[in-house]
Amino acid sequence: MATVSVTPDTAVVAAGDTATFFATLRDAQGNILSGRPVAWTLSDSLVARIEGAFGQTVVIRAVGSGSSLITATSEGKRGSGSVVVP
């Protein structure tokens, strides 16, 4: 695997609402890979929490104002997006 990218880049979510992020995994030739394990983490659990992780997809719930980085890691490669709670 060469890259992990997370979409959307940024989600603005009201407290109590959810947002879904997706990790796209690509090999060195740019081909999309599937079926690989993906670990999801949040940088600030006071802003959001992971409701459920389903492989390359994760659902987060906004819990407090601020911003948090959401990172997908697979086979040593990482990609990130962010959630902003106004």
PDB file of N, CA and C in Angstrom:
ATOM      1  N   MET A   1       0.839  -1.171   0.000  1.00  0.00           N
ATOM      2  CA  MET A   1       0.000   0.000   0.000  1.00  0.00           C
ATOM      3  C   MET A   1       0.884   1.234   0.000  1.00  0.00           C
ATOM      4  N   ALA A   2       0.440   2.239  -0.781  1.00  0.00           N
ATOM      5  CA  ALA A   2       1.217   3.469  -0.881  1.00  0.00           C
ATOM      6  C   ALA A   2       0.571   4.642  -0.170  1.00  0.00           C
ATOM      7  N   THR A   3      -0.769   4.773  -0.272  1.00  0.00           N
ATOM      8  CA  THR A   3      -1.422   5.935   0.327  1.00  0.00           C
ATOM      9  C   THR A   3      -2.754   5.569   0.971  1.00  0.00           C
ATOM     10  N   VAL A   4      -3.117   6.388   1.949  1.00  0.00           N
ATOM     11  CA  VAL A   4      -4.439   6.334   2.571  1.00  0.00           C
ATOM     12  C   VAL A   4      -4.981   7.762   2.524  1.00  0.00           C
ATOM     13  N   SER A   5      -6.156   7.950   1.943  1.00  0.00           N
ATOM     14  CA  SER A   5      -6.780   9.269   1.966  1.00  0.00           C
ATOM     15  C   SER A   5      -8.156   9.154   2.610  1.00  0.00           C
ATOM     16  N   VAL A   6      -8.528  10.197   3.338  1.00  0.00           N
ATOM     17  CA  VAL A   6      -9.795  10.200   4.072  1.00  0.00           C
ATOM     18  C   VAL A   6     -10.703  11.278   3.485  1.00  0.00           C
ATOM     19  N   THR A   7     -11.962  10.897   3.222  1.00  0.00           N
ATOM     20  CA  THR A   7     -12.953  11.858   2.754  1.00  0.00           C
ATOM     21  C   THR A   7     -14.150  11.828   3.689  1.00  0.00           C
ATOM     22  N   PRO A   8     -14.770  12.947   3.958  1.00  0.00           N
ATOM     23  CA  PRO A   8     -14.379  14.268   3.460  1.00  0.00           C
ATOM     24  C   PRO A   8     -13.133  14.787   4.172  1.00  0.00           C
ATOM     25  N   ASP A   9     -12.521  15.837   3.604  1.00  0.00           N
ATOM     26  CA  ASP A   9     -11.365  16.465   4.261  1.00  0.00           C
ATOM     27  C   ASP A   9     -11.783  17.049   5.602  1.00  0.00           C
ATOM     28  N   THR A  10     -12.937  17.728   5.598  1.00  0.00           N
ATOM     29  CA  THR A  10     -13.475  18.346   6.813  1.00  0.00           C
ATOM     30  C   THR A  10     -14.984  18.204   6.813  1.00  0.00           C
ATOM     31  N   ALA A  11     -15.524  17.817   7.953  1.00  0.00           N
ATOM     32  CA  ALA A  11     -16.974  17.773   8.136  1.00  0.00           C
ATOM     33  C   ALA A  11     -17.325  18.707   9.286  1.00  0.00           C
ATOM     34  N   VAL A  12     -18.299  19.582   9.048  1.00  0.00           N
ATOM     35  CA  VAL A  12     -18.809  20.462  10.107  1.00  0.00           C
ATOM     36  C   VAL A  12     -20.105  19.833  10.596  1.00  0.00           C
ATOM     37  N   VAL A  13     -20.131  19.488  11.883  1.00  0.00           N
ATOM     38  CA  VAL A  13     -21.231  18.699  12.438  1.00  0.00           C
ATOM     39  C   VAL A  13     -21.722  19.346  13.728  1.00  0.00           C
ATOM     40  N   ALA A  14     -23.024  19.495  13.857  1.00  0.00           N
ATOM     41  CA  ALA A  14     -23.593  20.024  15.091  1.00  0.00           C
ATOM     42  C   ALA A  14     -23.468  18.983  16.206  1.00  0.00           C
ATOM     43  N   ALA A  15     -23.302  19.442  17.435  1.00  0.00           N
ATOM     44  CA  ALA A  15     -23.217  18.526  18.577  1.00  0.00           C
ATOM     45  C   ALA A  15     -24.447  17.622  18.599  1.00  0.00           C
ATOM     46  N   GLY A  16     -24.205  16.329  18.761  1.00  0.00           N
ATOM     47  CA  GLY A  16     -25.274  15.343  18.785  1.00  0.00           C
ATOM     48  C   GLY A  16     -25.491  14.665  17.446  1.00  0.00           C
ATOM     49  N   ASP A  17     -25.031  15.286  16.364  1.00  0.00           N
ATOM     50  CA  ASP A  17     -25.190  14.702  15.034  1.00  0.00           C
ATOM     51  C   ASP A  17     -24.008  13.800  14.691  1.00  0.00           C
ATOM     52  N   THR A  18     -24.167  13.046  13.601  1.00  0.00           N
ATOM     53  CA  THR A  18     -23.107  12.146  13.165  1.00  0.00           C
ATOM     54  C   THR A  18     -22.580  12.551  11.794  1.00  0.00           C
ATOM     55  N   ALA A  19     -21.395  12.060  11.492  1.00  0.00           N
ATOM     56  CA  ALA A  19     -20.784  12.226  10.177  1.00  0.00           C
ATOM     57  C   ALA A  19     -20.095  10.923   9.819  1.00  0.00           C
ATOM     58  N   THR A  20     -20.017  10.641   8.535  1.00  0.00           N
ATOM     59  CA  THR A  20     -19.374   9.430   8.051  1.00  0.00           C
ATOM     60  C   THR A  20     -18.126   9.803   7.262  1.00  0.00           C
ATOM     61  N   PHE A  21     -17.027   9.098   7.555  1.00  0.00           N
ATOM     62  CA  PHE A  21     -15.770   9.277   6.834  1.00  0.00           C
ATOM     63  C   PHE A  21     -15.411   7.967   6.144  1.00  0.00           C
ATOM     64  N   PHE A  22     -14.680   8.066   5.036  1.00  0.00           N
ATOM     65  CA  PHE A  22     -14.300   6.897   4.262  1.00  0.00           C
ATOM     66  C   PHE A  22     -12.809   6.963   3.940  1.00  0.00           C
ATOM     67  N   ALA A  23     -12.122   5.845   4.092  1.00  0.00           N
ATOM     68  CA  ALA A  23     -10.705   5.761   3.759  1.00  0.00           C
ATOM     69  C   ALA A  23     -10.548   5.083   2.402  1.00  0.00           C
ATOM     70  N   THR A  24      -9.802   5.740   1.512  1.00  0.00           N
ATOM     71  CA  THR A  24      -9.467   5.152   0.218  1.00  0.00           C
ATOM     72  C   THR A  24      -8.017   4.710   0.274  1.00  0.00           C
ATOM     73  N   LEU A  25      -7.790   3.433   0.019  1.00  0.00           N
ATOM     74  CA  LEU A  25      -6.450   2.855   0.074  1.00  0.00           C
ATOM     75  C   LEU A  25      -5.975   2.634  -1.363  1.00  0.00           C
ATOM     76  N   ARG A  26      -4.750   3.064  -1.658  1.00  0.00           N
ATOM     77  CA  ARG A  26      -4.206   2.910  -3.013  1.00  0.00           C
ATOM     78  C   ARG A  26      -2.807   2.299  -2.965  1.00  0.00           C
ATOM     79  N   ASP A  27      -2.493   1.498  -3.993  1.00  0.00           N
ATOM     80  CA  ASP A  27      -1.147   0.949  -4.115  1.00  0.00           C
ATOM     81  C   ASP A  27      -0.245   1.959  -4.831  1.00  0.00           C
ATOM     82  N   ALA A  28       1.003   1.587  -5.040  1.00  0.00           N
ATOM     83  CA  ALA A  28       1.974   2.502  -5.635  1.00  0.00           C
ATOM     84  C   ALA A  28       1.596   2.930  -7.053  1.00  0.00           C
ATOM     85  N   GLN A  29       0.801   2.138  -7.751  1.00  0.00           N
ATOM     86  CA  GLN A  29       0.365   2.476  -9.095  1.00  0.00           C
ATOM     87  C   GLN A  29      -0.941   3.289  -9.102  1.00  0.00           C
ATOM     88  N   GLY A  30      -1.485   3.565  -7.909  1.00  0.00           N
ATOM     89  CA  GLY A  30      -2.713   4.346  -7.810  1.00  0.00           C
ATOM     90  C   GLY A  30      -3.982   3.516  -7.864  1.00  0.00           C
ATOM     91  N   ASN A  31      -3.843   2.200  -7.896  1.00  0.00           N
ATOM     92  CA  ASN A  31      -5.013   1.326  -7.909  1.00  0.00           C
ATOM     93  C   ASN A  31      -5.665   1.274  -6.533  1.00  0.00           C
ATOM     94  N   ILE A  32      -6.981   1.312  -6.505  1.00  0.00           N
ATOM     95  CA  ILE A  32      -7.717   1.248  -5.241  1.00  0.00           C
ATOM     96  C   ILE A  32      -7.662  -0.169  -4.680  1.00  0.00           C
ATOM     97  N   LEU A  33      -7.380  -0.259  -3.392  1.00  0.00           N
ATOM     98  CA  LEU A  33      -7.306  -1.542  -2.686  1.00  0.00           C
ATOM     99  C   LEU A  33      -8.513  -1.678  -1.762  1.00  0.00           C
ATOM    100  N   SER A  34      -8.976  -2.876  -1.566  1.00  0.00           N
ATOM    101  CA  SER A  34     -10.075  -3.112  -0.626  1.00  0.00           C
ATOM    102  C   SER A  34      -9.754  -4.337   0.209  1.00  0.00           C
ATOM    103  N   GLY A  35     -10.556  -4.527   1.245  1.00  0.00           N
ATOM    104  CA  GLY A  35     -10.384  -5.693   2.100  1.00  0.00           C
ATOM    105  C   GLY A  35      -9.193  -5.630   3.032  1.00  0.00           C
ATOM    106  N   ARG A  36      -8.604  -4.469   3.179  1.00  0.00           N
ATOM    107  CA  ARG A  36      -7.465  -4.309   4.089  1.00  0.00           C
ATOM    108  C   ARG A  36      -7.984  -3.798   5.431  1.00  0.00           C
ATOM    109  N   PRO A  37      -7.337  -4.191   6.526  1.00  0.00           N
ATOM    110  CA  PRO A  37      -7.768  -3.675   7.831  1.00  0.00           C
ATOM    111  C   PRO A  37      -7.437  -2.188   7.973  1.00  0.00           C
ATOM    112  N   VAL A  38      -8.383  -1.456   8.562  1.00  0.00           N
ATOM    113  CA  VAL A  38      -8.195  -0.023   8.801  1.00  0.00           C
ATOM    114  C   VAL A  38      -8.501   0.256  10.269  1.00  0.00           C
ATOM    115  N   ALA A  39      -7.585   0.944  10.945  1.00  0.00           N
ATOM    116  CA  ALA A  39      -7.801   1.377  12.334  1.00  0.00           C
ATOM    117  C   ALA A  39      -8.107   2.870  12.315  1.00  0.00           C
ATOM    118  N   TRP A  40      -9.148   3.259  13.037  1.00  0.00           N
ATOM    119  CA  TRP A  40      -9.579   4.654  13.101  1.00  0.00           C
ATOM    120  C   TRP A  40      -9.304   5.232  14.485  1.00  0.00           C
ATOM    121  N   THR A  41      -8.799   6.461  14.540  1.00  0.00           N
ATOM    122  CA  THR A  41      -8.571   7.144  15.815  1.00  0.00           C
ATOM    123  C   THR A  41      -9.001   8.607  15.703  1.00  0.00           C
ATOM    124  N   LEU A  42      -9.351   9.179  16.849  1.00  0.00           N
ATOM    125  CA  LEU A  42      -9.692  10.600  16.955  1.00  0.00           C
ATOM    126  C   LEU A  42      -8.679  11.276  17.870  1.00  0.00           C
ATOM    127  N   SER A  43      -8.320  12.511  17.548  1.00  0.00           N
ATOM    128  CA  SER A  43      -7.336  13.217  18.373  1.00  0.00           C
ATOM    129  C   SER A  43      -7.942  13.832  19.627  1.00  0.00           C
ATOM    130  N   ASP A  44      -9.256  14.085  19.630  1.00  0.00           N
ATOM    131  CA  ASP A  44      -9.873  14.735  20.789  1.00  0.00           C
ATOM    132  C   ASP A  44     -11.248  14.122  21.062  1.00  0.00           C
ATOM    133  N   SER A  45     -11.322  13.274  22.069  1.00  0.00           N
ATOM    134  CA  SER A  45     -12.582  12.591  22.394  1.00  0.00           C
ATOM    135  C   SER A  45     -13.590  13.517  23.079  1.00  0.00           C
ATOM    136  N   LEU A  46     -13.189  14.744  23.417  1.00  0.00           N
ATOM    137  CA  LEU A  46     -14.144  15.707  23.973  1.00  0.00           C
ATOM    138  C   LEU A  46     -14.947  16.392  22.866  1.00  0.00           C
ATOM    139  N   VAL A  47     -14.467  16.293  21.639  1.00  0.00           N
ATOM    140  CA  VAL A  47     -15.140  16.899  20.487  1.00  0.00           C
ATOM    141  C   VAL A  47     -16.017  15.863  19.779  1.00  0.00           C
ATOM    142  N   ALA A  48     -15.509  14.664  19.601  1.00  0.00           N
ATOM    143  CA  ALA A  48     -16.250  13.624  18.881  1.00  0.00           C
ATOM    144  C   ALA A  48     -15.837  12.257  19.388  1.00  0.00           C
ATOM    145  N   ARG A  49     -16.708  11.276  19.108  1.00  0.00           N
ATOM    146  CA  ARG A  49     -16.374   9.897  19.461  1.00  0.00           C
ATOM    147  C   ARG A  49     -16.751   8.995  18.291  1.00  0.00           C
ATOM    148  N   ILE A  50     -16.094   7.863  18.224  1.00  0.00           N
ATOM    149  CA  ILE A  50     -16.378   6.902  17.164  1.00  0.00           C
ATOM    150  C   ILE A  50     -17.606   6.087  17.562  1.00  0.00           C
ATOM    151  N   GLU A  51     -18.639   6.182  16.745  1.00  0.00           N
ATOM    152  CA  GLU A  51     -19.875   5.414  16.975  1.00  0.00           C
ATOM    153  C   GLU A  51     -19.726   3.997  16.455  1.00  0.00           C
ATOM    154  N   GLY A  52     -19.068   3.858  15.314  1.00  0.00           N
ATOM    155  CA  GLY A  52     -18.877   2.537  14.727  1.00  0.00           C
ATOM    156  C   GLY A  52     -17.876   2.597  13.597  1.00  0.00           C
ATOM    157  N   ALA A  53     -17.021   1.585  13.526  1.00  0.00           N
ATOM    158  CA  ALA A  53     -16.039   1.482  12.453  1.00  0.00           C
ATOM    159  C   ALA A  53     -16.331   0.201  11.685  1.00  0.00           C
ATOM    160  N   PHE A  54     -16.463   0.346  10.388  1.00  0.00           N
ATOM    161  CA  PHE A  54     -16.825  -0.776   9.523  1.00  0.00           C
ATOM    162  C   PHE A  54     -15.817  -0.848   8.387  1.00  0.00           C
ATOM    163  N   GLY A  55     -14.621  -1.349   8.690  1.00  0.00           N
ATOM    164  CA  GLY A  55     -13.572  -1.420   7.673  1.00  0.00           C
ATOM    165  C   GLY A  55     -13.135  -0.037   7.257  1.00  0.00           C
ATOM    166  N   GLN A  56     -13.353   0.309   5.990  1.00  0.00           N
ATOM    167  CA  GLN A  56     -12.898   1.580   5.452  1.00  0.00           C
ATOM    168  C   GLN A  56     -13.845   2.735   5.755  1.00  0.00           C
ATOM    169  N   THR A  57     -14.936   2.467   6.466  1.00  0.00           N
ATOM    170  CA  THR A  57     -15.913   3.494   6.807  1.00  0.00           C
ATOM    171  C   THR A  57     -16.009   3.639   8.322  1.00  0.00           C
ATOM    172  N   VAL A  58     -16.135   4.879   8.782  1.00  0.00           N
ATOM    173  CA  VAL A  58     -16.317   5.129  10.207  1.00  0.00           C
ATOM    174  C   VAL A  58     -17.420   6.171  10.387  1.00  0.00           C
ATOM    175  N   VAL A  59     -18.210   5.991  11.430  1.00  0.00           N
ATOM    176  CA  VAL A  59     -19.242   6.960  11.790  1.00  0.00           C
ATOM    177  C   VAL A  59     -18.823   7.589  13.111  1.00  0.00           C
ATOM    178  N   ILE A  60     -18.776   8.920  13.134  1.00  0.00           N
ATOM    179  CA  ILE A  60     -18.423   9.618  14.369  1.00  0.00           C
ATOM    180  C   ILE A  60     -19.615  10.443  14.825  1.00  0.00           C
ATOM    181  N   ARG A  61     -19.702  10.651  16.135  1.00  0.00           N
ATOM    182  CA  ARG A  61     -20.740  11.500  16.710  1.00  0.00           C
ATOM    183  C   ARG A  61     -20.073  12.710  17.353  1.00  0.00           C
ATOM    184  N   ALA A  62     -20.552  13.899  17.002  1.00  0.00           N
ATOM    185  CA  ALA A  62     -20.048  15.131  17.597  1.00  0.00           C
ATOM    186  C   ALA A  62     -20.606  15.252  19.017  1.00  0.00           C
ATOM    187  N   VAL A  63     -19.723  15.551  19.975  1.00  0.00           N
ATOM    188  CA  VAL A  63     -20.171  15.634  21.372  1.00  0.00           C
ATOM    189  C   VAL A  63     -19.881  16.979  22.030  1.00  0.00           C
ATOM    190  N   GLY A  64     -18.960  17.766  21.501  1.00  0.00           N
ATOM    191  CA  GLY A  64     -18.639  19.056  22.110  1.00  0.00           C
ATOM    192  C   GLY A  64     -17.971  19.963  21.106  1.00  0.00           C
ATOM    193  N   SER A  65     -17.966  21.256  21.374  1.00  0.00           N
ATOM    194  CA  SER A  65     -17.417  22.200  20.398  1.00  0.00           C
ATOM    195  C   SER A  65     -15.896  22.090  20.304  1.00  0.00           C
ATOM    196  N   GLY A  66     -15.394  22.379  19.101  1.00  0.00           N
ATOM    197  CA  GLY A  66     -13.965  22.313  18.830  1.00  0.00           C
ATOM    198  C   GLY A  66     -13.701  21.565  17.539  1.00  0.00           C
ATOM    199  N   SER A  67     -12.482  21.097  17.384  1.00  0.00           N
ATOM    200  CA  SER A  67     -12.138  20.308  16.201  1.00  0.00           C
ATOM    201  C   SER A  67     -11.304  19.105  16.625  1.00  0.00           C
ATOM    202  N   SER A  68     -11.408  18.058  15.832  1.00  0.00           N
ATOM    203  CA  SER A  68     -10.672  16.829  16.106  1.00  0.00           C
ATOM    204  C   SER A  68     -10.206  16.235  14.791  1.00  0.00           C
ATOM    205  N   LEU A  69      -8.993  15.739  14.795  1.00  0.00           N
ATOM    206  CA  LEU A  69      -8.438  15.050  13.639  1.00  0.00           C
ATOM    207  C   LEU A  69      -8.904  13.602  13.684  1.00  0.00           C
ATOM    208  N   ILE A  70      -9.371  13.081  12.551  1.00  0.00           N
ATOM    209  CA  ILE A  70      -9.740  11.675  12.471  1.00  0.00           C
ATOM    210  C   ILE A  70      -8.760  11.007  11.514  1.00  0.00           C
ATOM    211  N   THR A  71      -8.109   9.953  11.999  1.00  0.00           N
ATOM    212  CA  THR A  71      -7.031   9.325  11.237  1.00  0.00           C
ATOM    213  C   THR A  71      -7.349   7.869  10.952  1.00  0.00           C
ATOM    214  N   ALA A  72      -7.130   7.483   9.694  1.00  0.00           N
ATOM    215  CA  ALA A  72      -7.247   6.090   9.256  1.00  0.00           C
ATOM    216  C   ALA A  72      -5.833   5.553   9.053  1.00  0.00           C
ATOM    217  N   THR A  73      -5.544   4.394   9.635  1.00  0.00           N
ATOM    218  CA  THR A  73      -4.230   3.772   9.491  1.00  0.00           C
ATOM    219  C   THR A  73      -4.406   2.368   8.941  1.00  0.00           C
ATOM    220  N   SER A  74      -3.633   2.062   7.911  1.00  0.00           N
ATOM    221  CA  SER A  74      -3.666   0.718   7.329  1.00  0.00           C
ATOM    222  C   SER A  74      -2.272   0.368   6.830  1.00  0.00           C
ATOM    223  N   GLU A  75      -1.765  -0.754   7.291  1.00  0.00           N
ATOM    224  CA  GLU A  75      -0.448  -1.255   6.884  1.00  0.00           C
ATOM    225  C   GLU A  75       0.643  -0.189   6.993  1.00  0.00           C
ATOM    226  N   GLY A  76       0.591   0.579   8.079  1.00  0.00           N
ATOM    227  CA  GLY A  76       1.621   1.568   8.359  1.00  0.00           C
ATOM    228  C   GLY A  76       1.436   2.913   7.674  1.00  0.00           C
ATOM    229  N   LYS A  77       0.458   3.041   6.815  1.00  0.00           N
ATOM    230  CA  LYS A  77       0.190   4.314   6.134  1.00  0.00           C
ATOM    231  C   LYS A  77      -0.999   4.991   6.801  1.00  0.00           C
ATOM    232  N   ARG A  78      -0.984   6.343   6.788  1.00  0.00           N
ATOM    233  CA  ARG A  78      -2.042   7.103   7.459  1.00  0.00           C
ATOM    234  C   ARG A  78      -2.607   8.181   6.546  1.00  0.00           C
ATOM    235  N   GLY A  79      -3.878   8.461   6.768  1.00  0.00           N
ATOM    236  CA  GLY A  79      -4.530   9.596   6.141  1.00  0.00           C
ATOM    237  C   GLY A  79      -5.460  10.205   7.154  1.00  0.00           C
ATOM    238  N   SER A  80      -5.738  11.500   7.032  1.00  0.00           N
ATOM    239  CA  SER A  80      -6.557  12.174   8.041  1.00  0.00           C
ATOM    240  C   SER A  80      -7.573  13.116   7.426  1.00  0.00           C
ATOM    241  N   GLY A  81      -8.631  13.304   8.173  1.00  0.00           N
ATOM    242  CA  GLY A  81      -9.630  14.322   7.905  1.00  0.00           C
ATOM    243  C   GLY A  81      -9.899  15.015   9.230  1.00  0.00           C
ATOM    244  N   SER A  82     -10.836  15.935   9.234  1.00  0.00           N
ATOM    245  CA  SER A  82     -11.146  16.581  10.502  1.00  0.00           C
ATOM    246  C   SER A  82     -12.637  16.794  10.647  1.00  0.00           C
ATOM    247  N   VAL A  83     -13.053  16.832  11.901  1.00  0.00           N
ATOM    248  CA  VAL A  83     -14.430  17.138  12.227  1.00  0.00           C
ATOM    249  C   VAL A  83     -14.415  18.424  13.046  1.00  0.00           C
ATOM    250  N   VAL A  84     -15.308  19.334  12.677  1.00  0.00           N
ATOM    251  CA  VAL A  84     -15.420  20.620  13.374  1.00  0.00           C
ATOM    252  C   VAL A  84     -16.835  20.698  13.943  1.00  0.00           C
ATOM    253  N   VAL A  85     -16.894  20.993  15.245  1.00  0.00           N
ATOM    254  CA  VAL A  85     -18.186  21.134  15.920  1.00  0.00           C
ATOM    255  C   VAL A  85     -18.279  22.585  16.372  1.00  0.00           C
ATOM    256  N   PRO A  86     -19.200  23.372  15.749  1.00  0.00           N
ATOM    257  CA  PRO A  86     -19.293  24.797  16.105  1.00  0.00           C
ATOM    258  C   PRO A  86     -19.813  25.026  17.516  1.00  0.00           C
TER     259      PRO A  86
END
